[in-house]
Protein backbone atom coordinates (compact mmCIF):
# COMPACT_ATOMS: atom_id res chain seq x y z
CA MET A 1 0.00 0.00 0.00
CA ALA A 2 2.82 2.38 0.92
CA ARG A 3 4.57 1.54 -2.36
CA ARG A 4 1.37 2.31 -4.30
CA ARG A 5 0.99 5.67 -2.56
CA GLY A 6 4.63 6.40 -3.36
CA VAL A 7 4.13 5.70 -7.06
CA ARG A 8 1.04 7.90 -7.12
CA ALA A 9 2.90 10.70 -5.38
CA PHE A 10 5.75 10.40 -7.90
CA VAL A 11 3.29 10.57 -10.83
CA ASP A 12 1.50 13.54 -9.25
CA ARG A 13 4.80 15.38 -8.91
CA ARG A 14 5.93 14.60 -12.47
CA LEU A 15 2.59 15.01 -14.27
CA THR A 16 1.43 18.39 -13.13
CA GLY A 17 -0.28 21.23 -14.95
CA PRO A 18 -0.12 21.03 -18.73
CA TYR A 19 1.78 17.73 -18.72
CA ARG A 20 -1.03 15.95 -16.90
CA LEU A 21 -3.60 17.58 -19.21
CA VAL A 22 -1.75 16.52 -22.36
CA ALA A 23 -1.21 12.97 -21.11
CA SER A 24 -4.82 12.56 -19.99
CA THR A 25 -6.18 14.03 -23.22
CA ALA A 26 -3.97 11.75 -25.31
CA LEU A 27 -5.13 8.74 -23.30
CA GLY A 28 -8.75 9.81 -23.76
CA VAL A 29 -8.31 10.15 -27.52
CA VAL A 30 -6.70 6.70 -27.75
CA VAL A 31 -9.53 5.12 -25.72
CA LEU A 32 -12.11 6.81 -27.96
CA ALA A 33 -10.25 5.68 -31.08
CA ILE A 34 -10.35 2.07 -29.86
CA LEU A 35 -14.04 2.34 -28.98
CA GLY A 36 -14.81 3.82 -32.38
CA ALA A 37 -13.00 0.97 -34.11
CA VAL A 38 -14.66 -1.89 -32.23
CA MET A 39 -18.20 -0.49 -32.12
CA GLY A 40 -18.95 -0.83 -35.82
CA PRO A 41 -17.82 -2.23 -39.17
CA GLN A 42 -14.95 -0.89 -41.23
CA TRP A 43 -15.25 -0.03 -44.92
CA ASP A 44 -13.08 -2.17 -47.17
CA PRO A 45 -14.69 -2.50 -50.61
CA ILE A 46 -13.54 -5.29 -52.89
CA PRO A 47 -11.80 -4.25 -56.13
CA LEU A 48 -13.61 -5.31 -59.30
CA ALA A 49 -11.42 -8.04 -60.75
CA ASP A 50 -13.49 -8.84 -63.85
CA PRO A 51 -13.57 -5.82 -66.20
CA LEU A 52 -16.02 -5.75 -69.08
CA ASP A 53 -14.35 -5.10 -72.42
CA VAL A 54 -16.34 -3.39 -75.15
CA GLN A 55 -16.24 -5.11 -78.51
CA SER A 56 -16.60 -1.90 -80.54
CA THR A 57 -16.33 1.79 -79.85
CA SER A 58 -19.45 2.47 -81.91
CA THR A 59 -22.82 2.50 -80.15
CA ALA A 60 -24.68 1.91 -83.41
CA ILE A 61 -27.44 -0.72 -83.38
CA THR A 62 -26.88 -3.41 -86.00
CA ASN A 63 -29.81 -3.98 -88.39
CA ALA A 64 -31.62 -0.82 -87.22
CA PRO A 65 -33.73 0.72 -90.01
CA ALA A 66 -33.25 4.22 -91.33
CA LEU A 67 -35.43 6.53 -89.28
CA GLN A 68 -38.30 8.54 -90.70
CA THR A 69 -39.56 11.79 -89.21
CA TYR A 70 -43.26 12.35 -88.52
CA PRO A 71 -45.27 15.15 -86.94
CA VAL A 72 -46.22 14.36 -83.35
CA THR A 73 -49.52 14.76 -81.55
CA THR A 74 -49.76 14.72 -77.76
CA ASN A 75 -52.78 13.85 -75.62
CA MET A 76 -53.44 13.39 -71.92
CA THR A 77 -55.43 10.36 -70.81
CA THR A 78 -56.55 8.82 -67.53
CA VAL A 79 -55.29 5.46 -66.30
CA GLN A 80 -57.37 3.64 -63.69
CA LEU A 81 -55.23 2.03 -61.00
CA ASP A 82 -56.35 0.11 -57.93
CA GLY A 83 -58.43 2.72 -56.11
CA VAL A 84 -56.98 5.82 -57.76
CA THR A 85 -56.42 7.30 -61.21
CA VAL A 86 -53.34 8.90 -62.72
CA GLN A 87 -52.84 11.07 -65.77
CA ALA A 88 -50.63 9.93 -68.63
CA LYS A 89 -49.14 11.76 -71.59
CA VAL A 90 -49.38 9.92 -74.91
CA SER A 91 -47.26 11.09 -77.85
CA ALA A 92 -48.00 9.57 -81.24
CA PRO A 93 -46.66 10.00 -84.78
CA VAL A 94 -49.04 11.49 -87.32
CA GLY A 95 -49.19 9.74 -90.69
CA ALA A 96 -47.03 6.73 -89.81
CA PRO A 97 -48.29 3.70 -91.74
CA GLY A 98 -49.86 0.63 -90.12
CA LEU A 99 -49.96 -0.26 -86.46
CA ARG A 100 -47.06 1.21 -84.52
CA PRO A 101 -44.92 -0.11 -81.65
CA GLY A 102 -45.51 1.49 -78.25
CA VAL A 103 -43.47 2.08 -75.11
CA VAL A 104 -44.51 2.89 -71.53
CA PHE A 105 -42.00 4.87 -69.48
CA LEU A 106 -41.22 3.99 -65.85
CA HIS A 107 -40.04 6.84 -63.63
CA GLY A 108 -36.83 6.98 -61.66
CA ALA A 109 -36.69 8.46 -58.18
CA GLY A 110 -36.24 12.00 -59.50
CA THR A 111 -39.28 12.26 -61.77
CA GLY A 112 -43.00 11.86 -61.25
CA LYS A 113 -45.10 13.95 -63.64
CA GLY A 114 -45.89 12.35 -66.97
CA ALA A 115 -46.46 15.72 -68.61
CA THR A 116 -42.84 16.78 -68.14
CA ALA A 117 -40.73 13.63 -67.63
CA PHE A 118 -38.75 11.97 -70.43
CA SER A 119 -39.63 14.82 -72.81
CA GLU A 120 -36.57 14.36 -75.03
CA GLN A 121 -36.93 10.60 -75.29
CA THR A 122 -40.65 10.69 -76.03
CA ALA A 123 -40.32 13.48 -78.58
CA ALA A 124 -37.59 11.65 -80.49
CA MET A 125 -39.27 8.25 -80.39
CA ALA A 126 -42.69 9.58 -81.36
CA ALA A 127 -41.19 11.52 -84.27
CA ALA A 128 -39.54 8.29 -85.42
CA GLY A 129 -42.86 6.42 -85.44
CA ILE A 130 -43.25 5.00 -81.91
CA VAL A 131 -46.24 5.73 -79.66
CA THR A 132 -45.03 6.67 -76.18
CA MET A 133 -46.88 6.87 -72.87
CA VAL A 134 -45.58 8.50 -69.68
CA PRO A 135 -47.98 8.00 -66.76
CA ASP A 136 -47.76 10.03 -63.59
CA LYS A 137 -46.03 8.21 -60.76
CA ARG A 138 -48.53 7.03 -58.18
CA LEU A 139 -47.67 9.00 -55.05
CA ASP A 140 -50.26 7.92 -52.48
CA THR A 141 -48.30 4.68 -51.95
CA TYR A 142 -44.85 6.10 -52.68
CA THR A 143 -42.88 7.90 -49.96
CA THR A 144 -39.28 8.19 -48.89
CA ARG A 145 -39.86 5.52 -46.24
CA HIS A 146 -42.25 3.20 -48.04
CA ARG A 147 -42.04 1.90 -51.61
CA ASP A 148 -43.31 -1.39 -52.96
CA TYR A 149 -41.70 -2.18 -56.31
CA VAL A 150 -43.90 -5.21 -56.95
CA ALA A 151 -47.05 -3.14 -56.36
CA MET A 152 -45.62 -0.37 -58.55
CA ALA A 153 -45.10 -2.93 -61.31
CA ALA A 154 -48.79 -3.81 -61.11
CA ASP A 155 -49.69 -0.11 -61.39
CA TYR A 156 -47.51 0.40 -64.45
CA ALA A 157 -49.01 -2.75 -66.00
CA ARG A 158 -52.35 -0.87 -66.10
CA SER A 159 -50.70 1.75 -68.33
CA VAL A 160 -49.35 -0.99 -70.58
CA GLU A 161 -52.89 -2.31 -71.05
CA VAL A 162 -54.17 1.17 -71.89
CA LEU A 163 -51.44 1.65 -74.51
CA ARG A 164 -52.11 -1.78 -76.02
CA HIS A 165 -55.65 -0.65 -76.75
CA TRP A 166 -54.65 2.79 -78.02
CA THR A 167 -55.68 3.60 -81.57
CA GLY A 168 -52.86 2.90 -84.03
CA VAL A 169 -50.78 0.79 -81.61
CA ASP A 170 -49.82 -2.82 -82.30
CA PRO A 171 -50.60 -4.55 -78.95
CA ALA A 172 -47.97 -7.21 -79.65
CA LYS A 173 -45.26 -4.55 -79.93
CA VAL A 174 -45.69 -2.68 -76.64
CA GLY A 175 -42.67 -2.64 -74.34
CA ILE A 176 -41.29 -0.63 -71.45
CA TYR A 177 -38.51 1.90 -70.87
CA ALA A 178 -37.19 2.11 -67.29
CA GLU A 179 -34.63 4.52 -65.90
CA SER A 180 -32.73 4.36 -62.61
CA GLU A 181 -35.16 3.31 -59.84
CA GLY A 182 -37.63 2.24 -62.49
CA ALA A 183 -35.16 -0.45 -63.55
CA TRP A 184 -35.94 -2.32 -60.32
CA ILE A 185 -39.60 -2.37 -61.41
CA ALA A 186 -39.23 -3.29 -65.09
CA PRO A 187 -37.93 -6.85 -64.54
CA VAL A 188 -40.90 -7.53 -62.24
CA MET A 189 -43.24 -6.51 -65.06
CA ALA A 190 -41.27 -8.52 -67.61
CA ALA A 191 -41.35 -11.64 -65.44
CA ASP A 192 -45.08 -11.31 -64.76
CA ASP A 193 -46.01 -10.48 -68.37
CA PRO A 194 -43.97 -12.45 -70.93
CA SER A 195 -46.03 -10.85 -73.70
CA LEU A 196 -44.22 -7.53 -73.22
CA ALA A 197 -42.42 -6.93 -76.50
CA PHE A 198 -39.16 -5.52 -75.12
CA VAL A 199 -37.43 -3.97 -72.10
CA ILE A 200 -35.13 -0.93 -72.14
CA LEU A 201 -33.04 -0.41 -68.99
CA THR A 202 -31.21 2.90 -68.64
CA SER A 203 -28.82 3.68 -65.76
CA ASP A 204 -29.90 0.44 -64.10
CA PRO A 205 -28.73 -0.02 -60.47
CA VAL A 206 -29.28 -3.82 -60.66
CA VAL A 207 -27.97 -4.41 -57.12
CA PRO A 208 -30.31 -3.82 -54.11
CA PRO A 209 -30.87 -0.17 -53.15
CA ARG A 210 -28.77 -0.41 -49.98
CA GLU A 211 -25.79 -1.75 -51.93
CA GLN A 212 -26.23 0.89 -54.62
CA ALA A 213 -26.38 3.64 -51.99
CA ALA A 214 -23.13 2.49 -50.38
CA PHE A 215 -21.47 2.15 -53.79
CA ALA A 216 -22.57 5.64 -54.84
CA ALA A 217 -21.45 7.15 -51.52
CA ASP A 218 -18.03 5.54 -51.91
CA ASN A 219 -17.64 6.79 -55.47
CA TYR A 220 -18.81 10.30 -54.67
CA LEU A 221 -16.46 10.54 -51.67
CA ARG A 222 -13.50 9.28 -53.71
CA ASN A 223 -14.25 11.78 -56.46
CA THR A 224 -14.30 14.53 -53.82
CA ASN A 225 -10.93 13.35 -52.40
CA VAL A 226 -12.11 13.11 -48.81
CA PRO A 227 -9.65 11.80 -46.19
CA HIS A 228 -9.59 8.04 -45.78
CA GLY A 229 -11.08 8.22 -42.30
CA VAL A 230 -14.38 9.55 -43.62
CA PHE A 231 -15.16 6.28 -45.43
CA ARG A 232 -15.76 4.46 -42.14
CA ALA A 233 -19.12 6.23 -41.94
CA ILE A 234 -20.45 4.49 -45.08
CA PRO A 235 -21.37 1.07 -43.63
CA ARG A 236 -22.40 2.61 -40.33
CA ALA A 237 -24.84 4.99 -41.99
CA VAL A 238 -26.04 2.86 -44.92
CA GLY A 239 -25.98 -0.42 -42.98
CA MET A 240 -28.16 0.69 -40.10
CA ALA A 241 -31.94 0.68 -39.89
CA LEU A 242 -32.83 4.32 -40.41
CA PRO A 243 -34.63 6.22 -37.63
CA GLY A 244 -38.39 6.06 -37.69
CA GLY A 245 -38.66 2.68 -39.41
CA GLY A 246 -39.66 1.87 -42.97
CA PHE A 247 -37.18 1.63 -45.87
CA GLU A 248 -37.90 -2.09 -46.31
CA TYR A 249 -37.33 -1.60 -50.02
CA ALA A 250 -33.63 -0.89 -49.32
CA ASP A 251 -32.97 -4.63 -49.55
CA PHE A 252 -35.16 -5.37 -52.59
CA ASP A 253 -33.41 -7.91 -54.84
CA VAL A 254 -34.39 -7.80 -58.50
CA THR A 255 -32.29 -10.86 -59.42
CA PRO A 256 -35.10 -13.48 -59.30
CA TYR A 257 -37.16 -11.39 -61.71
CA GLN A 258 -34.28 -10.77 -64.11
CA ARG A 259 -33.78 -14.53 -64.29
CA ARG A 260 -37.31 -14.82 -65.70
CA MET A 261 -36.91 -11.99 -68.22
CA THR A 262 -37.20 -13.46 -71.74
CA GLN A 263 -37.84 -10.29 -73.77
CA PRO A 264 -35.19 -8.52 -75.88
CA VAL A 265 -33.32 -6.15 -73.58
CA LEU A 266 -31.45 -2.93 -74.37
CA VAL A 267 -29.14 -1.72 -71.58
CA ASN A 268 -27.82 1.86 -71.60
CA TYR A 269 -25.18 3.39 -69.34
CA GLY A 270 -23.16 6.59 -69.33
CA THR A 271 -19.51 6.07 -68.47
CA GLY A 272 -19.59 9.31 -66.47
CA ASP A 273 -22.23 7.96 -64.08
CA ALA A 274 -20.53 7.59 -60.69
CA SER A 275 -23.69 6.49 -58.90
CA MET A 276 -24.21 3.15 -60.67
CA PRO A 277 -22.11 -0.03 -60.90
CA ILE A 278 -21.97 0.31 -64.66
CA VAL A 279 -19.73 -2.72 -65.27
CA GLN A 280 -21.14 -5.03 -62.63
CA GLY A 281 -24.70 -4.10 -63.57
CA ALA A 282 -24.33 -5.08 -67.22
CA GLU A 283 -22.51 -8.28 -66.30
CA GLN A 284 -25.27 -9.30 -63.91
CA ILE A 285 -28.01 -8.58 -66.44
CA LEU A 286 -26.18 -10.73 -68.99
CA ARG A 287 -25.80 -13.57 -66.47
CA ASP A 288 -29.38 -13.39 -65.20
CA THR A 289 -30.99 -13.29 -68.64
CA ALA A 290 -28.78 -16.18 -69.75
CA ILE A 291 -30.31 -18.25 -66.93
CA ALA A 292 -33.70 -17.45 -68.51
CA GLY A 293 -32.34 -18.67 -71.85
CA ASN A 294 -32.41 -15.13 -73.18
CA GLY A 295 -29.50 -14.16 -75.40
CA ASP A 296 -31.19 -11.09 -76.86
CA VAL A 297 -29.39 -8.50 -74.74
CA THR A 298 -27.68 -5.42 -76.15
CA VAL A 299 -25.45 -3.20 -73.96
CA ARG A 300 -24.34 0.29 -74.97
CA TYR A 301 -22.02 2.69 -73.12
CA TYR A 302 -22.09 6.41 -73.94
CA ALA A 303 -18.84 8.33 -73.45
CA GLY A 304 -18.85 10.70 -70.48
CA ALA A 305 -22.63 10.64 -70.11
CA ASN A 306 -24.05 11.09 -66.63
CA HIS A 307 -26.89 9.33 -64.84
CA GLY A 308 -29.43 10.95 -67.15
CA LEU A 309 -27.40 9.97 -70.25
CA LYS A 310 -26.43 13.60 -70.78
CA VAL A 311 -23.10 15.27 -71.48
CA ASP A 312 -23.02 18.95 -70.47
CA ASP A 313 -26.83 18.94 -70.17
CA VAL A 314 -27.23 17.62 -73.71
CA MET A 315 -28.46 14.08 -74.42
CA ALA A 316 -25.56 11.81 -75.38
CA PRO A 317 -24.89 11.64 -79.12
CA ASP A 318 -26.75 8.80 -80.86
CA PHE A 319 -28.62 7.73 -77.70
CA LEU A 320 -32.04 8.85 -78.92
CA THR A 321 -31.37 7.53 -82.42
CA ASN A 322 -30.34 4.16 -81.03
CA LEU A 323 -33.44 3.93 -78.83
CA SER A 324 -35.78 4.42 -81.77
CA GLY A 325 -33.73 2.29 -84.16
CA TRP A 326 -33.58 -0.63 -81.73
CA VAL A 327 -37.34 -0.61 -81.07
CA LEU A 328 -38.33 -0.16 -84.72
CA GLY A 329 -35.88 -2.83 -85.85
CA LEU A 330 -37.20 -5.59 -83.60
CA PRO A 331 -36.98 -8.54 -83.88
CA GLN A 332 -33.96 -8.10 -86.18
CA THR A 333 -32.22 -5.81 -83.67
CA ALA A 334 -32.77 -8.16 -80.72
CA GLY A 335 -29.36 -9.26 -79.55
CA ALA A 336 -27.71 -6.82 -81.93
CA GLN A 337 -24.01 -7.49 -82.33
CA PRO A 338 -21.67 -6.61 -80.85
CA THR A 339 -23.38 -7.35 -77.55
CA VAL A 340 -21.31 -4.79 -75.61
CA ALA A 341 -20.19 -1.64 -77.40
CA GLY A 342 -19.43 2.04 -76.96
CA ASP A 343 -17.08 3.78 -74.57
CA GLN A 344 -14.94 1.59 -72.31
CA PRO A 345 -16.58 1.55 -68.84
CA THR A 346 -14.58 1.49 -65.63
CA GLN A 347 -15.62 0.46 -62.13
CA GLU A 348 -13.05 0.37 -59.35
CA PHE A 349 -14.94 -1.53 -56.65
CA VAL A 350 -17.73 -4.09 -56.43
CA ALA A 351 -21.15 -3.05 -55.17
CA ALA A 352 -21.60 -5.65 -52.44
CA PRO A 353 -23.70 -6.35 -49.32
CA VAL A 354 -23.10 -3.64 -46.72
CA PRO A 355 -21.65 -4.75 -43.36
CA GLU A 356 -24.12 -4.22 -40.54
CA PRO A 357 -23.17 -2.24 -37.42
CA ARG A 358 -22.78 -4.41 -34.34
CA TRP A 359 -24.25 -2.32 -31.53
CA LEU A 360 -25.79 0.68 -33.23
CA ARG A 361 -27.70 -0.92 -36.08
CA ASP A 362 -30.98 0.64 -34.94
CA GLY A 363 -31.14 4.25 -36.07
CA ASP A 364 -33.70 5.03 -33.38
CA VAL A 365 -31.14 4.00 -30.76
CA VAL A 366 -28.50 6.25 -32.35
CA VAL A 367 -30.81 9.26 -32.42
CA GLY A 368 -32.13 8.49 -28.95
CA THR A 369 -28.61 8.27 -27.56
CA VAL A 370 -27.65 11.66 -29.00
CA LEU A 371 -30.86 13.28 -27.79
CA ALA A 372 -30.39 11.79 -24.33
CA ALA A 373 -26.85 13.19 -24.21
CA PHE A 374 -28.07 16.65 -25.18
CA GLY A 375 -30.83 16.28 -22.63
CA LEU A 376 -28.27 15.67 -19.90
CA LEU A 377 -26.34 18.76 -20.95
CA LEU A 378 -29.50 20.86 -20.85
CA LEU A 379 -30.47 19.33 -17.51
CA ALA A 380 -27.37 20.71 -15.78
CA PRO A 381 -28.28 24.42 -15.82
CA VAL A 382 -31.84 23.54 -14.82
CA LEU A 383 -30.55 21.64 -11.79
CA VAL A 384 -28.15 24.41 -10.82
CA ALA A 385 -30.96 26.96 -11.08
CA GLY A 386 -33.17 24.65 -9.05
CA ALA A 387 -30.49 24.34 -6.40
CA ARG A 388 -30.33 28.12 -6.15
CA VAL A 389 -34.10 28.30 -5.73
CA VAL A 390 -33.93 25.71 -2.96
CA ASP A 391 -31.09 27.60 -1.25
CA SER A 392 -33.05 30.84 -1.47
CA TRP A 393 -36.14 29.19 -0.05
CA ARG A 394 -34.18 27.63 2.79
CA SER A 395 -32.48 30.97 3.49
CA ARG A 396 -35.81 32.75 3.79
CA ARG A 397 -37.03 30.03 6.10
CA GLY A 398 -33.90 30.39 8.17
CA ARG A 399 -32.90 26.80 7.53
CA ILE A 400 -29.38 27.38 6.25
CA GLY A 401 -26.97 26.70 8.94
CA ARG A 402 -23.51 25.34 8.96
CA ALA A 403 -22.74 25.30 5.21
CA VAL A 404 -23.87 26.83 1.94
CA HIS A 405 -23.87 24.35 -0.94
CA ARG A 406 -22.16 25.59 -4.08
CA LEU A 407 -20.04 24.33 -6.93
CA PRO A 408 -16.32 24.94 -6.34
CA ALA A 409 -14.76 27.97 -7.99
CA GLY A 410 -13.98 27.35 -11.65
CA VAL A 411 -16.17 24.24 -11.95
CA PRO A 412 -19.25 25.97 -13.49
CA LEU A 413 -17.08 27.49 -16.24
CA ARG A 414 -15.45 24.13 -16.92
CA MET A 415 -18.87 22.46 -17.06
CA LEU A 416 -19.97 25.02 -19.64
CA LEU A 417 -16.81 24.54 -21.71
CA ALA A 418 -17.03 20.73 -21.64
CA GLY A 419 -20.67 20.67 -22.75
CA LEU A 420 -20.15 23.41 -25.31
CA ALA A 421 -17.06 21.77 -26.81
CA ALA A 422 -18.82 18.42 -27.26
CA THR A 423 -21.86 20.12 -28.78
CA LEU A 424 -19.78 22.22 -31.17
CA THR A 425 -17.91 19.12 -32.32
CA VAL A 426 -21.19 17.40 -33.16
CA LEU A 427 -22.38 20.48 -35.05
CA ALA A 428 -19.03 20.70 -36.86
CA LEU A 429 -19.33 17.06 -37.94
CA VAL A 430 -22.87 17.64 -39.23
CA TRP A 431 -21.69 20.73 -41.13
CA TYR A 432 -18.81 18.74 -42.63
CA ILE A 433 -21.05 15.87 -43.76
CA VAL A 434 -23.53 18.27 -45.39
CA SER A 435 -20.70 20.20 -47.08
CA ILE A 436 -18.99 17.18 -48.61
CA ALA A 437 -22.37 15.78 -49.69
CA ARG A 438 -23.04 18.97 -51.64
CA LEU A 439 -19.58 18.91 -53.19
CA ALA A 440 -19.90 15.24 -54.12
CA LEU A 441 -23.33 15.58 -55.71
CA ASP A 442 -22.14 18.60 -57.70
CA TYR A 443 -18.90 16.82 -58.72
CA GLU A 444 -16.86 19.67 -57.22
CA HIS A 445 -13.56 19.79 -55.33
CA ASN A 446 -12.62 22.09 -52.48
CA ASP A 447 -9.63 21.00 -50.41
CA TRP A 448 -10.25 23.76 -47.88
CA VAL A 449 -13.59 22.17 -47.04
CA VAL A 450 -12.75 18.51 -47.68
CA LYS A 451 -9.37 18.26 -45.98
CA GLY A 452 -9.33 21.42 -43.88
CA GLY A 453 -12.84 20.78 -42.62
CA TRP A 454 -11.94 17.26 -41.49
CA VAL A 455 -8.89 18.54 -39.64
CA ALA A 456 -11.04 21.19 -37.97
CA VAL A 457 -13.63 18.62 -36.86
CA ARG A 458 -10.93 16.44 -35.35
CA LEU A 459 -9.33 19.40 -33.57
CA PHE A 460 -12.73 20.28 -32.15
CA GLY A 461 -12.96 16.69 -30.92
CA ILE A 462 -9.58 16.83 -29.21
CA ALA A 463 -10.52 20.13 -27.60
CA ALA A 464 -13.74 18.53 -26.32
CA VAL A 465 -11.74 15.69 -24.75
CA ALA A 466 -9.37 18.21 -23.16
CA ALA A 467 -12.29 20.24 -21.80
CA LEU A 468 -13.77 17.15 -20.18
CA VAL A 469 -10.39 16.20 -18.72
CA VAL A 470 -9.98 19.69 -17.23
CA LEU A 471 -13.43 19.44 -15.66
CA LEU A 472 -12.74 16.03 -14.14
CA GLN A 473 -9.34 17.11 -12.83
CA ARG A 474 -10.83 20.17 -11.17
CA GLU A 475 -13.70 18.16 -9.71
CA ARG A 476 -11.31 15.57 -8.30
CA ARG A 477 -9.12 18.16 -6.60
CA GLU A 478 -12.10 19.92 -5.04
CA VAL A 479 -13.70 16.72 -3.80
CA GLU A 480 -10.42 15.64 -2.22
CA ARG A 481 -10.22 19.05 -0.54
CA THR A 482 -13.81 19.60 0.61
CA GLY A 483 -15.76 16.38 0.01
CA TRP A 484 -19.08 15.97 -1.79
CA GLY A 485 -21.11 17.42 1.05
CA ALA A 486 -20.08 20.96 0.20
CA VAL A 487 -21.57 20.65 -3.29
CA GLY A 488 -25.02 19.33 -2.50
CA VAL A 489 -27.14 16.72 -4.25
CA LEU A 490 -28.61 18.84 -7.06
CA ARG A 491 -25.29 20.40 -8.01
CA THR A 492 -23.59 17.01 -7.89
CA VAL A 493 -26.19 15.58 -10.26
CA ALA A 494 -25.77 18.65 -12.51
CA LEU A 495 -22.01 18.14 -12.60
CA TRP A 496 -22.27 14.49 -13.54
CA SER A 497 -25.00 15.13 -16.09
CA VAL A 498 -22.47 17.31 -17.95
CA VAL A 499 -19.75 14.68 -17.56
CA VAL A 500 -21.95 11.82 -18.76
CA GLY A 501 -23.63 13.84 -21.52
CA SER A 502 -20.30 15.06 -22.89
CA ALA A 503 -18.76 11.59 -22.65
CA VAL A 504 -21.68 10.03 -24.54
CA LEU A 505 -21.37 12.61 -27.32
CA LEU A 506 -17.64 11.92 -27.54
CA VAL A 507 -18.30 8.18 -27.89
CA VAL A 508 -20.86 8.89 -30.64
CA LEU A 509 -18.29 11.09 -32.39
CA ALA A 510 -15.75 8.28 -32.05
CA TYR A 511 -18.24 5.90 -33.67
CA TRP A 512 -18.43 8.18 -36.71
CA GLY A 513 -14.65 8.35 -37.01
CA VAL A 514 -13.64 11.68 -35.46
CA PHE A 515 -10.91 10.14 -33.27
CA GLN A 516 -9.43 7.62 -35.70
CA LEU A 517 -5.74 6.89 -35.24
CA GLY A 518 -5.38 4.21 -37.88
CA ILE A 519 -6.91 1.70 -35.47
């Protein structure tokens, strides 16, 4: 016992003032770094080892007929769904001979109004002799939290039936065009209705939404040149169940439906689309349709085109021509050779299942933990004010005697600094995430924000640890000097509400990577 007291006395003499603060802060940062590492999954995407080589640089569709140009008439019609109706825009060529092929357009996540969506595609295809229909997206069953792709397929099938009975349309030549999110719906329709004439998939995610979201986040962050430590947040954010429930569609797997897709398929990607697994997607479509015995798949890559198949806000060259030529040339254009052509696509990593967080998989728990921590910080001043009211009441009643309860000198300021530092670090992290998200979505670079902002967030975090250490050191010295009785119950609870609230926020910050040390 005497030896232990001697060691402690030696440490107290050596580690005084700033030395003790630096050592304790460093220890706190290391502990938080370890906690952050073990509390959730790391992000280690697998490199794509099987590149897809294009067989020709030309996107031209073999056997496509020369296109004619017709005047176009546009009408709005009503489509009866299950319990509701939606409006649909129908564009048709005027003077085109015989019965014409038709195509129903399926919306992606970013469009919804048939009157305005897909205007360039429908104008070009209708002028070439194809009747197009763009129904409104049904919104009473479609929200951010809840989407049912199988039910949406049934709704779009109603539009297909309407177009099949439209004047001048050949019912045996009606197919579907799906873009982005709509490409999860199209294979469901194709599997359920083998009589669909064709399927066009543009900017198709193919993989489940959760995997696509993680893949897109990784690509966007890499394009923005964020520090390596930021990537840890991907599986922890995308892999958790989001607060408030819902989002069941995040794990929707379209593979079983693609393996029943027997129609001719045209797949379109832009090689400038960072949000989609443009190599892996085409490879999986080719594999899945082969299982269905379907070899009529044509894949085209458009140089530098983005998610909407545009280059500098202009539709990719030849894309609209190829759409019309492929549809009008069926069945001769089905499986047009070469199968894969256009610009050479690149994909660095595989879109794969997202690792699930161990302890914080439930988003409600994450949000609840943060709110509880802030609640503890807000509780402290309420308790201190309450203690003052009690003291005043007791003073008026003449019940204060031997001692007046109060926080030791310097402790209230240190409580304020500890709580404020932890709060500011959380706000700084939120600001940083929002800032890099904006940069990534706009394909912009700003090292002052990307790298400087991350350094600033981490410095805020270290300062928050130091502030908590200073508070605890001061509290320890005062308790050793005067004991807890001089503080009183309410002020003691207030003190520890700040300590616990700040500590919880620091652990949450560690979880999101603020204190990483390569651990």
